[in-house]
């Protein structure tokens, strides 16, 4: 059961990355890629997040997303521990 859930989460991650790449390519083809580009990312090394971004708003959303994912992970760990 856990193996299946883990595999599905990994596949969903690859699918989301692929969808993001496709959307970026399509928007570039349509000419909407002109203007300011904002980007950001998070690298988790153990419990320590390293947040990167091109402006403060992107960093803020990356931090919020990271906190949400960490809380979700902790909740799933607690649920699995009790079962």
PDB file of N, CA and C in Angstrom:
ATOM      1  N   UNK A   1       0.829  -1.203   0.000  1.00  0.00           N
ATOM      2  CA  UNK A   1       0.000   0.000   0.000  1.00  0.00           C
ATOM      3  C   UNK A   1       0.870   1.262   0.000  1.00  0.00           C
ATOM      4  N   UNK A   2       1.826   1.335   0.918  1.00  0.00           N
ATOM      5  CA  UNK A   2       2.687   2.523   0.983  1.00  0.00           C
ATOM      6  C   UNK A   2       3.566   2.631  -0.260  1.00  0.00           C
ATOM      7  N   UNK A   3       4.005   1.481  -0.781  1.00  0.00           N
ATOM      8  CA  UNK A   3       4.820   1.484  -1.977  1.00  0.00           C
ATOM      9  C   UNK A   3       4.048   2.082  -3.143  1.00  0.00           C
ATOM     10  N   UNK A   4       2.788   1.727  -3.253  1.00  0.00           N
ATOM     11  CA  UNK A   4       1.938   2.238  -4.329  1.00  0.00           C
ATOM     12  C   UNK A   4       1.721   3.738  -4.188  1.00  0.00           C
ATOM     13  N   UNK A   5       1.459   4.199  -2.964  1.00  0.00           N
ATOM     14  CA  UNK A   5       1.261   5.641  -2.734  1.00  0.00           C
ATOM     15  C   UNK A   5       2.534   6.406  -3.062  1.00  0.00           C
ATOM     16  N   UNK A   6       3.692   5.887  -2.652  1.00  0.00           N
ATOM     17  CA  UNK A   6       4.962   6.545  -2.960  1.00  0.00           C
ATOM     18  C   UNK A   6       5.218   6.636  -4.447  1.00  0.00           C
ATOM     19  N   UNK A   7       4.950   5.546  -5.149  1.00  0.00           N
ATOM     20  CA  UNK A   7       5.138   5.544  -6.598  1.00  0.00           C
ATOM     21  C   UNK A   7       4.196   6.532  -7.281  1.00  0.00           C
ATOM     22  N   UNK A   8       2.950   6.581  -6.823  1.00  0.00           N
ATOM     23  CA  UNK A   8       1.991   7.537  -7.398  1.00  0.00           C
ATOM     24  C   UNK A   8       2.422   8.979  -7.153  1.00  0.00           C
ATOM     25  N   UNK A   9       2.953   9.277  -5.965  1.00  0.00           N
ATOM     26  CA  UNK A   9       3.414  10.642  -5.680  1.00  0.00           C
ATOM     27  C   UNK A   9       4.607  11.017  -6.566  1.00  0.00           C
ATOM     28  N   UNK A  10       5.510  10.073  -6.782  1.00  0.00           N
ATOM     29  CA  UNK A  10       6.647  10.343  -7.661  1.00  0.00           C
ATOM     30  C   UNK A  10       6.168  10.596  -9.095  1.00  0.00           C
ATOM     31  N   UNK A  11       5.252   9.760  -9.565  1.00  0.00           N
ATOM     32  CA  UNK A  11       4.725   9.939 -10.922  1.00  0.00           C
ATOM     33  C   UNK A  11       3.964  11.262 -11.052  1.00  0.00           C
ATOM     34  N   UNK A  12       3.221  11.650 -10.012  1.00  0.00           N
ATOM     35  CA  UNK A  12       2.511  12.930 -10.046  1.00  0.00           C
ATOM     36  C   UNK A  12       3.506  14.091 -10.112  1.00  0.00           C
ATOM     37  N   UNK A  13       4.638  13.988  -9.416  1.00  0.00           N
ATOM     38  CA  UNK A  13       5.661  15.023  -9.479  1.00  0.00           C
ATOM     39  C   UNK A  13       6.230  15.174 -10.873  1.00  0.00           C
ATOM     40  N   UNK A  14       6.536  14.040 -11.512  1.00  0.00           N
ATOM     41  CA  UNK A  14       7.025  14.102 -12.888  1.00  0.00           C
ATOM     42  C   UNK A  14       5.969  14.674 -13.824  1.00  0.00           C
ATOM     43  N   UNK A  15       4.714  14.300 -13.617  1.00  0.00           N
ATOM     44  CA  UNK A  15       3.635  14.804 -14.465  1.00  0.00           C
ATOM     45  C   UNK A  15       3.478  16.311 -14.307  1.00  0.00           C
ATOM     46  N   UNK A  16       3.540  16.814 -13.081  1.00  0.00           N
ATOM     47  CA  UNK A  16       3.438  18.263 -12.860  1.00  0.00           C
ATOM     48  C   UNK A  16       4.603  19.004 -13.508  1.00  0.00           C
ATOM     49  N   UNK A  17       5.809  18.449 -13.408  1.00  0.00           N
ATOM     50  CA  UNK A  17       6.963  19.075 -14.056  1.00  0.00           C
ATOM     51  C   UNK A  17       6.787  19.097 -15.568  1.00  0.00           C
ATOM     52  N   UNK A  18       6.297  18.002 -16.129  1.00  0.00           N
ATOM     53  CA  UNK A  18       6.064  17.935 -17.572  1.00  0.00           C
ATOM     54  C   UNK A  18       5.004  18.940 -18.007  1.00  0.00           C
ATOM     55  N   UNK A  19       3.926  19.061 -17.239  1.00  0.00           N
ATOM     56  CA  UNK A  19       2.875  20.038 -17.565  1.00  0.00           C
ATOM     57  C   UNK A  19       3.439  21.453 -17.522  1.00  0.00           C
ATOM     58  N   UNK A  20       4.275  21.752 -16.529  1.00  0.00           N
ATOM     59  CA  UNK A  20       4.893  23.078 -16.450  1.00  0.00           C
ATOM     60  C   UNK A  20       5.769  23.385 -17.647  1.00  0.00           C
ATOM     61  N   UNK A  21       6.533  22.397 -18.079  1.00  0.00           N
ATOM     62  CA  UNK A  21       7.392  22.586 -19.247  1.00  0.00           C
ATOM     63  C   UNK A  21       6.549  22.823 -20.498  1.00  0.00           C
ATOM     64  N   UNK A  22       5.484  22.037 -20.651  1.00  0.00           N
ATOM     65  CA  UNK A  22       4.620  22.190 -21.822  1.00  0.00           C
ATOM     66  C   UNK A  22       3.950  23.559 -21.830  1.00  0.00           C
ATOM     67  N   UNK A  23       3.461  24.021 -20.688  1.00  0.00           N
ATOM     68  CA  UNK A  23       2.829  25.344 -20.612  1.00  0.00           C
ATOM     69  C   UNK A  23       3.832  26.435 -20.954  1.00  0.00           C
ATOM     70  N   UNK A  24       5.066  26.300 -20.478  1.00  0.00           N
ATOM     71  CA  UNK A  24       6.093  27.292 -20.791  1.00  0.00           C
ATOM     72  C   UNK A  24       6.401  27.324 -22.286  1.00  0.00           C
ATOM     73  N   UNK A  25       6.489  26.163 -22.897  1.00  0.00           N
ATOM     74  CA  UNK A  25       6.765  26.101 -24.335  1.00  0.00           C
ATOM     75  C   UNK A  25       5.617  26.711 -25.129  1.00  0.00           C
ATOM     76  N   UNK A  26       4.380  26.376 -24.765  1.00  0.00           N
ATOM     77  CA  UNK A  26       3.221  26.912 -25.488  1.00  0.00           C
ATOM     78  C   UNK A  26       3.131  28.424 -25.341  1.00  0.00           C
ATOM     79  N   UNK A  27       3.366  28.944 -24.131  1.00  0.00           N
ATOM     80  CA  UNK A  27       3.294  30.394 -23.948  1.00  0.00           C
ATOM     81  C   UNK A  27       4.417  31.097 -24.708  1.00  0.00           C
ATOM     82  N   UNK A  28       5.572  30.448 -24.843  1.00  0.00           N
ATOM     83  CA  UNK A  28       6.667  31.026 -25.622  1.00  0.00           C
ATOM     84  C   UNK A  28       6.343  31.052 -27.102  1.00  0.00           C
ATOM     85  N   UNK A  29       5.669  30.019 -27.577  1.00  0.00           N
ATOM     86  CA  UNK A  29       5.294  29.963 -28.993  1.00  0.00           C
ATOM     87  C   UNK A  29       4.257  31.035 -29.311  1.00  0.00           C
ATOM     88  N   UNK A  30       3.320  31.260 -28.389  1.00  0.00           N
ATOM     89  CA  UNK A  30       2.266  32.245 -28.629  1.00  0.00           C
ATOM     90  C   UNK A  30       2.756  33.676 -28.443  1.00  0.00           C
ATOM     91  N   UNK A  31       3.978  33.869 -27.975  1.00  0.00           N
ATOM     92  CA  UNK A  31       4.510  35.213 -27.828  1.00  0.00           C
ATOM     93  C   UNK A  31       4.191  35.846 -26.491  1.00  0.00           C
ATOM     94  N   UNK A  32       3.699  35.082 -25.545  1.00  0.00           N
ATOM     95  CA  UNK A  32       3.375  35.641 -24.227  1.00  0.00           C
ATOM     96  C   UNK A  32       4.572  35.638 -23.296  1.00  0.00           C
ATOM     97  N   UNK A  33       5.706  35.193 -23.752  1.00  0.00           N
ATOM     98  CA  UNK A  33       6.880  35.107 -22.904  1.00  0.00           C
ATOM     99  C   UNK A  33       7.617  36.440 -22.809  1.00  0.00           C
ATOM    100  N   UNK A  34       7.086  37.475 -23.432  1.00  0.00           N
ATOM    101  CA  UNK A  34       7.721  38.780 -23.376  1.00  0.00           C
ATOM    102  C   UNK A  34       7.461  39.427 -22.031  1.00  0.00           C
ATOM    103  N   UNK A  35       8.400  40.216 -21.568  1.00  0.00           N
ATOM    104  CA  UNK A  35       8.210  40.926 -20.312  1.00  0.00           C
ATOM    105  C   UNK A  35       9.063  40.344 -19.201  1.00  0.00           C
ATOM    106  N   UNK A  36       8.648  40.630 -17.989  1.00  0.00           N
ATOM    107  CA  UNK A  36       9.413  40.228 -16.816  1.00  0.00           C
ATOM    108  C   UNK A  36       9.166  38.763 -16.481  1.00  0.00           C
ATOM    109  N   UNK A  37      10.239  38.068 -16.195  1.00  0.00           N
ATOM    110  CA  UNK A  37      10.154  36.657 -15.827  1.00  0.00           C
ATOM    111  C   UNK A  37      10.434  36.527 -14.341  1.00  0.00           C
ATOM    112  N   UNK A  38       9.558  35.816 -13.645  1.00  0.00           N
ATOM    113  CA  UNK A  38       9.743  35.570 -12.213  1.00  0.00           C
ATOM    114  C   UNK A  38       9.900  34.073 -12.014  1.00  0.00           C
ATOM    115  N   UNK A  39      10.859  33.693 -11.181  1.00  0.00           N
ATOM    116  CA  UNK A  39      11.093  32.280 -10.936  1.00  0.00           C
ATOM    117  C   UNK A  39      11.548  32.084  -9.498  1.00  0.00           C
ATOM    118  N   UNK A  40      11.350  30.887  -9.012  1.00  0.00           N
ATOM    119  CA  UNK A  40      11.777  30.560  -7.658  1.00  0.00           C
ATOM    120  C   UNK A  40      11.825  29.067  -7.469  1.00  0.00           C
ATOM    121  N   UNK A  41      12.439  28.661  -6.386  1.00  0.00           N
ATOM    122  CA  UNK A  41      12.531  27.244  -6.101  1.00  0.00           C
ATOM    123  C   UNK A  41      12.943  27.013  -4.672  1.00  0.00           C
ATOM    124  N   UNK A  42      12.793  25.768  -4.239  1.00  0.00           N
ATOM    125  CA  UNK A  42      13.135  25.395  -2.875  1.00  0.00           C
ATOM    126  C   UNK A  42      13.971  24.123  -2.923  1.00  0.00           C
ATOM    127  N   UNK A  43      15.049  24.118  -2.169  1.00  0.00           N
ATOM    128  CA  UNK A  43      15.878  22.934  -2.009  1.00  0.00           C
ATOM    129  C   UNK A  43      15.814  22.559  -0.540  1.00  0.00           C
ATOM    130  N   UNK A  44      15.335  21.345  -0.262  1.00  0.00           N
ATOM    131  CA  UNK A  44      15.267  20.870   1.120  1.00  0.00           C
ATOM    132  C   UNK A  44      16.452  19.947   1.375  1.00  0.00           C
ATOM    133  N   UNK A  45      17.302  20.329   2.297  1.00  0.00           N
ATOM    134  CA  UNK A  45      18.408  19.481   2.732  1.00  0.00           C
ATOM    135  C   UNK A  45      18.092  19.109   4.174  1.00  0.00           C
ATOM    136  N   UNK A  46      17.488  17.938   4.306  1.00  0.00           N
ATOM    137  CA  UNK A  46      17.006  17.522   5.626  1.00  0.00           C
ATOM    138  C   UNK A  46      15.876  18.445   6.039  1.00  0.00           C
ATOM    139  N   UNK A  47      15.946  18.980   7.239  1.00  0.00           N
ATOM    140  CA  UNK A  47      14.884  19.893   7.687  1.00  0.00           C
ATOM    141  C   UNK A  47      15.140  21.356   7.321  1.00  0.00           C
ATOM    142  N   UNK A  48      16.226  21.629   6.619  1.00  0.00           N
ATOM    143  CA  UNK A  48      16.616  23.012   6.333  1.00  0.00           C
ATOM    144  C   UNK A  48      16.240  23.373   4.902  1.00  0.00           C
ATOM    145  N   UNK A  49      15.305  24.333   4.733  1.00  0.00           N
ATOM    146  CA  UNK A  49      14.954  24.753   3.365  1.00  0.00           C
ATOM    147  C   UNK A  49      15.888  25.860   2.863  1.00  0.00           C
ATOM    148  N   UNK A  50      16.295  25.756   1.615  1.00  0.00           N
ATOM    149  CA  UNK A  50      17.047  26.812   0.945  1.00  0.00           C
ATOM    150  C   UNK A  50      16.121  27.339  -0.139  1.00  0.00           C
ATOM    151  N   UNK A  51      15.688  28.601   0.018  1.00  0.00           N
ATOM    152  CA  UNK A  51      14.679  29.172  -0.866  1.00  0.00           C
ATOM    153  C   UNK A  51      15.346  30.172  -1.801  1.00  0.00           C
ATOM    154  N   UNK A  52      15.097  30.006  -3.091  1.00  0.00           N
ATOM    155  CA  UNK A  52      15.670  30.870  -4.116  1.00  0.00           C
ATOM    156  C   UNK A  52      14.544  31.572  -4.863  1.00  0.00           C
ATOM    157  N   UNK A  53      14.776  32.788  -5.294  1.00  0.00           N
ATOM    158  CA  UNK A  53      13.761  33.489  -6.066  1.00  0.00           C
ATOM    159  C   UNK A  53      14.294  34.763  -6.672  1.00  0.00           C
ATOM    160  N   UNK A  54      13.563  35.242  -7.683  1.00  0.00           N
ATOM    161  CA  UNK A  54      13.987  36.448  -8.375  1.00  0.00           C
ATOM    162  C   UNK A  54      13.416  37.721  -7.758  1.00  0.00           C
ATOM    163  N   UNK A  55      12.346  37.603  -6.994  1.00  0.00           N
ATOM    164  CA  UNK A  55      11.815  38.774  -6.286  1.00  0.00           C
ATOM    165  C   UNK A  55      11.160  38.322  -4.975  1.00  0.00           C
ATOM    166  N   UNK A  56      10.777  39.300  -4.161  1.00  0.00           N
ATOM    167  CA  UNK A  56      10.261  38.987  -2.826  1.00  0.00           C
ATOM    168  C   UNK A  56       8.946  38.221  -2.861  1.00  0.00           C
ATOM    169  N   UNK A  57       8.089  38.501  -3.831  1.00  0.00           N
ATOM    170  CA  UNK A  57       6.798  37.816  -3.900  1.00  0.00           C
ATOM    171  C   UNK A  57       6.970  36.329  -4.216  1.00  0.00           C
ATOM    172  N   UNK A  58       7.873  36.014  -5.120  1.00  0.00           N
ATOM    173  CA  UNK A  58       8.130  34.612  -5.453  1.00  0.00           C
ATOM    174  C   UNK A  58       8.709  33.881  -4.246  1.00  0.00           C
ATOM    175  N   UNK A  59       9.615  34.516  -3.533  1.00  0.00           N
ATOM    176  CA  UNK A  59      10.204  33.902  -2.341  1.00  0.00           C
ATOM    177  C   UNK A  59       9.133  33.680  -1.279  1.00  0.00           C
ATOM    178  N   UNK A  60       8.217  34.648  -1.128  1.00  0.00           N
ATOM    179  CA  UNK A  60       7.132  34.506  -0.148  1.00  0.00           C
ATOM    180  C   UNK A  60       6.268  33.298  -0.475  1.00  0.00           C
ATOM    181  N   UNK A  61       5.872  33.138  -1.746  1.00  0.00           N
ATOM    182  CA  UNK A  61       5.032  32.010  -2.135  1.00  0.00           C
ATOM    183  C   UNK A  61       5.784  30.689  -2.037  1.00  0.00           C
ATOM    184  N   UNK A  62       7.078  30.704  -2.330  1.00  0.00           N
ATOM    185  CA  UNK A  62       7.876  29.484  -2.183  1.00  0.00           C
ATOM    186  C   UNK A  62       7.954  29.080  -0.712  1.00  0.00           C
ATOM    187  N   UNK A  63       8.093  30.055   0.176  1.00  0.00           N
ATOM    188  CA  UNK A  63       8.126  29.770   1.612  1.00  0.00           C
ATOM    189  C   UNK A  63       6.792  29.212   2.097  1.00  0.00           C
ATOM    190  N   UNK A  64       5.691  29.812   1.658  1.00  0.00           N
ATOM    191  CA  UNK A  64       4.358  29.331   2.044  1.00  0.00           C
ATOM    192  C   UNK A  64       4.155  27.904   1.539  1.00  0.00           C
ATOM    193  N   UNK A  65       4.530  27.640   0.302  1.00  0.00           N
ATOM    194  CA  UNK A  65       4.380  26.309  -0.274  1.00  0.00           C
ATOM    195  C   UNK A  65       5.245  25.293   0.486  1.00  0.00           C
ATOM    196  N   UNK A  66       6.461  25.693   0.845  1.00  0.00           N
ATOM    197  CA  UNK A  66       7.352  24.798   1.583  1.00  0.00           C
ATOM    198  C   UNK A  66       6.788  24.457   2.952  1.00  0.00           C
ATOM    199  N   UNK A  67       6.267  25.445   3.656  1.00  0.00           N
ATOM    200  CA  UNK A  67       5.667  25.198   4.971  1.00  0.00           C
ATOM    201  C   UNK A  67       4.475  24.262   4.830  1.00  0.00           C
ATOM    202  N   UNK A  68       3.650  24.468   3.815  1.00  0.00           N
ATOM    203  CA  UNK A  68       2.493  23.593   3.585  1.00  0.00           C
ATOM    204  C   UNK A  68       2.930  22.154   3.327  1.00  0.00           C
ATOM    205  N   UNK A  69       3.932  21.965   2.484  1.00  0.00           N
ATOM    206  CA  UNK A  69       4.405  20.622   2.156  1.00  0.00           C
ATOM    207  C   UNK A  69       5.018  19.949   3.383  1.00  0.00           C
ATOM    208  N   UNK A  70       5.781  20.684   4.181  1.00  0.00           N
ATOM    209  CA  UNK A  70       6.372  20.101   5.387  1.00  0.00           C
ATOM    210  C   UNK A  70       5.285  19.696   6.372  1.00  0.00           C
ATOM    211  N   UNK A  71       4.262  20.536   6.555  1.00  0.00           N
ATOM    212  CA  UNK A  71       3.164  20.181   7.455  1.00  0.00           C
ATOM    213  C   UNK A  71       2.390  18.972   6.938  1.00  0.00           C
ATOM    214  N   UNK A  72       2.181  18.905   5.635  1.00  0.00           N
ATOM    215  CA  UNK A  72       1.511  17.744   5.044  1.00  0.00           C
ATOM    216  C   UNK A  72       2.332  16.478   5.263  1.00  0.00           C
ATOM    217  N   UNK A  73       3.635  16.573   5.072  1.00  0.00           N
ATOM    218  CA  UNK A  73       4.518  15.439   5.289  1.00  0.00           C
ATOM    219  C   UNK A  73       4.474  14.988   6.748  1.00  0.00           C
ATOM    220  N   UNK A  74       4.523  15.936   7.687  1.00  0.00           N
ATOM    221  CA  UNK A  74       4.462  15.579   9.102  1.00  0.00           C
ATOM    222  C   UNK A  74       3.131  14.934   9.457  1.00  0.00           C
ATOM    223  N   UNK A  75       2.038  15.453   8.908  1.00  0.00           N
ATOM    224  CA  UNK A  75       0.723  14.863   9.168  1.00  0.00           C
ATOM    225  C   UNK A  75       0.655  13.435   8.642  1.00  0.00           C
ATOM    226  N   UNK A  76       1.185  13.197   7.449  1.00  0.00           N
ATOM    227  CA  UNK A  76       1.194  11.848   6.896  1.00  0.00           C
ATOM    228  C   UNK A  76       2.077  10.915   7.721  1.00  0.00           C
ATOM    229  N   UNK A  77       3.195  11.409   8.220  1.00  0.00           N
ATOM    230  CA  UNK A  77       4.054  10.587   9.071  1.00  0.00           C
ATOM    231  C   UNK A  77       3.350  10.208  10.367  1.00  0.00           C
ATOM    232  N   UNK A  78       2.638  11.153  10.971  1.00  0.00           N
ATOM    233  CA  UNK A  78       1.901  10.864  12.198  1.00  0.00           C
ATOM    234  C   UNK A  78       0.786   9.862  11.948  1.00  0.00           C
ATOM    235  N   UNK A  79       0.069  10.030  10.845  1.00  0.00           N
ATOM    236  CA  UNK A  79      -0.998   9.089  10.509  1.00  0.00           C
ATOM    237  C   UNK A  79      -0.441   7.694  10.292  1.00  0.00           C
ATOM    238  N   UNK A  80       0.674   7.583   9.578  1.00  0.00           N
ATOM    239  CA  UNK A  80       1.275   6.276   9.324  1.00  0.00           C
ATOM    240  C   UNK A  80       1.807   5.661  10.616  1.00  0.00           C
ATOM    241  N   UNK A  81       2.284   6.492  11.528  1.00  0.00           N
ATOM    242  CA  UNK A  81       2.811   5.990  12.794  1.00  0.00           C
ATOM    243  C   UNK A  81       1.702   5.413  13.660  1.00  0.00           C
ATOM    244  N   UNK A  82       0.517   6.052  13.655  1.00  0.00           N
ATOM    245  CA  UNK A  82      -0.609   5.580  14.470  1.00  0.00           C
ATOM    246  C   UNK A  82      -1.253   4.323  13.891  1.00  0.00           C
ATOM    247  N   UNK A  83      -1.161   4.124  12.584  1.00  0.00           N
ATOM    248  CA  UNK A  83      -1.814   2.962  11.962  1.00  0.00           C
ATOM    249  C   UNK A  83      -0.999   1.750  12.100  1.00  0.00           C
TER     250      UNK A  83
END
